[in-house]
Amino acid sequence: MFGIFKKKPKEKLPPVLLDEEGVQILEGDEVIAHRYELGKCDVVLEGLQYFYVSQHSGNKVSYVRMIDAITGNQKVKKTD
């Protein structure tokens, strides 16, 4: 009788990223990074982790390094 109602394993999802104004950032978006002299970047999803890839230099930085300590949002601005 035990084990009939087993929990299904939760499917892991990538984190929800918000720019400095609270706008959601998705894969393929173009943003302007305010750190590491990246300038305009493309947002790339690899596995379950986001990366910012600079259009100018090609440098790649993880989203974890762009978190603002006070707000928890990313130190980037999404372009229109």
Protein backbone atom coordinates (compact mmCIF):
# COMPACT_ATOMS: atom_id res chain seq x y z
CA MET A 1 0.00 0.00 0.00
CA PHE A 2 2.95 2.30 0.54
CA GLY A 3 4.53 3.82 -2.51
CA ILE A 4 1.32 4.22 -4.47
CA PHE A 5 1.39 8.00 -4.42
CA LYS A 6 5.01 8.69 -5.18
CA LYS A 7 6.11 12.20 -6.02
CA LYS A 8 7.25 12.77 -9.55
CA PRO A 9 10.74 14.22 -9.81
CA LYS A 10 10.61 17.93 -10.59
CA GLU A 11 11.96 18.94 -13.96
CA LYS A 12 14.77 21.43 -13.53
CA LEU A 13 14.29 24.73 -15.32
CA PRO A 14 16.75 27.53 -16.09
CA PRO A 15 16.58 30.52 -13.73
CA VAL A 16 14.39 33.53 -14.47
CA LEU A 17 16.60 36.52 -15.27
CA LEU A 18 15.50 40.13 -14.83
CA ASP A 19 17.41 43.16 -16.06
CA GLU A 20 18.08 46.22 -13.88
CA GLU A 21 14.58 47.56 -14.66
CA GLY A 22 12.81 44.27 -13.91
CA VAL A 23 12.24 43.21 -17.53
CA GLN A 24 12.57 39.46 -18.12
CA ILE A 25 15.58 38.33 -20.16
CA LEU A 26 15.24 35.31 -22.43
CA GLU A 27 17.61 33.32 -24.62
CA GLY A 28 18.46 35.19 -27.81
CA ASP A 29 17.84 38.65 -26.35
CA GLU A 30 20.34 41.45 -26.85
CA VAL A 31 21.48 43.30 -23.72
CA ILE A 32 23.99 45.96 -22.75
CA ALA A 33 26.23 44.70 -19.93
CA HIS A 34 27.46 47.12 -17.27
CA ARG A 35 30.33 44.92 -16.07
CA TYR A 36 33.50 43.38 -17.48
CA GLU A 37 33.57 45.78 -20.47
CA LEU A 38 31.35 43.46 -22.51
CA GLY A 39 29.18 46.11 -24.19
CA LYS A 40 26.38 44.65 -26.30
CA CYS A 41 25.87 40.97 -25.62
CA ASP A 42 23.71 38.10 -26.80
CA VAL A 43 22.07 35.88 -24.18
CA VAL A 44 22.89 32.19 -24.72
CA LEU A 45 21.48 29.21 -22.81
CA GLU A 46 23.77 26.20 -22.37
CA GLY A 47 22.21 23.39 -20.40
CA LEU A 48 20.49 25.16 -17.51
CA GLN A 49 22.89 28.11 -17.32
CA TYR A 50 22.72 31.46 -19.10
CA PHE A 51 25.78 33.20 -20.53
CA TYR A 52 26.36 36.68 -21.91
CA VAL A 53 28.48 36.60 -25.08
CA SER A 54 29.99 39.93 -26.10
CA GLN A 55 29.30 40.91 -29.72
CA HIS A 56 32.52 42.93 -29.85
CA SER A 57 35.14 40.77 -28.14
CA GLY A 58 33.46 37.36 -28.01
CA ASN A 59 34.06 37.07 -24.24
CA LYS A 60 31.60 34.82 -22.43
CA VAL A 61 30.44 35.54 -18.86
CA SER A 62 28.05 33.51 -16.71
CA TYR A 63 24.85 35.12 -15.48
CA VAL A 64 25.97 34.39 -11.90
CA ARG A 65 28.76 36.98 -12.16
CA MET A 66 26.25 39.65 -13.24
CA ILE A 67 23.89 39.47 -10.24
CA ASP A 68 23.38 42.73 -8.33
CA ALA A 69 23.78 42.01 -4.62
CA ILE A 70 21.09 44.45 -3.50
CA THR A 71 18.24 43.76 -5.93
CA GLY A 72 19.10 40.25 -7.14
CA ASN A 73 18.56 41.39 -10.74
CA GLN A 74 21.16 41.28 -13.48
CA LYS A 75 23.52 44.22 -14.10
CA VAL A 76 22.42 44.48 -17.72
CA LYS A 77 19.84 46.45 -19.67
CA LYS A 78 17.70 44.76 -22.29
CA THR A 79 17.67 46.56 -25.64
CA ASP A 80 14.49 46.92 -27.65
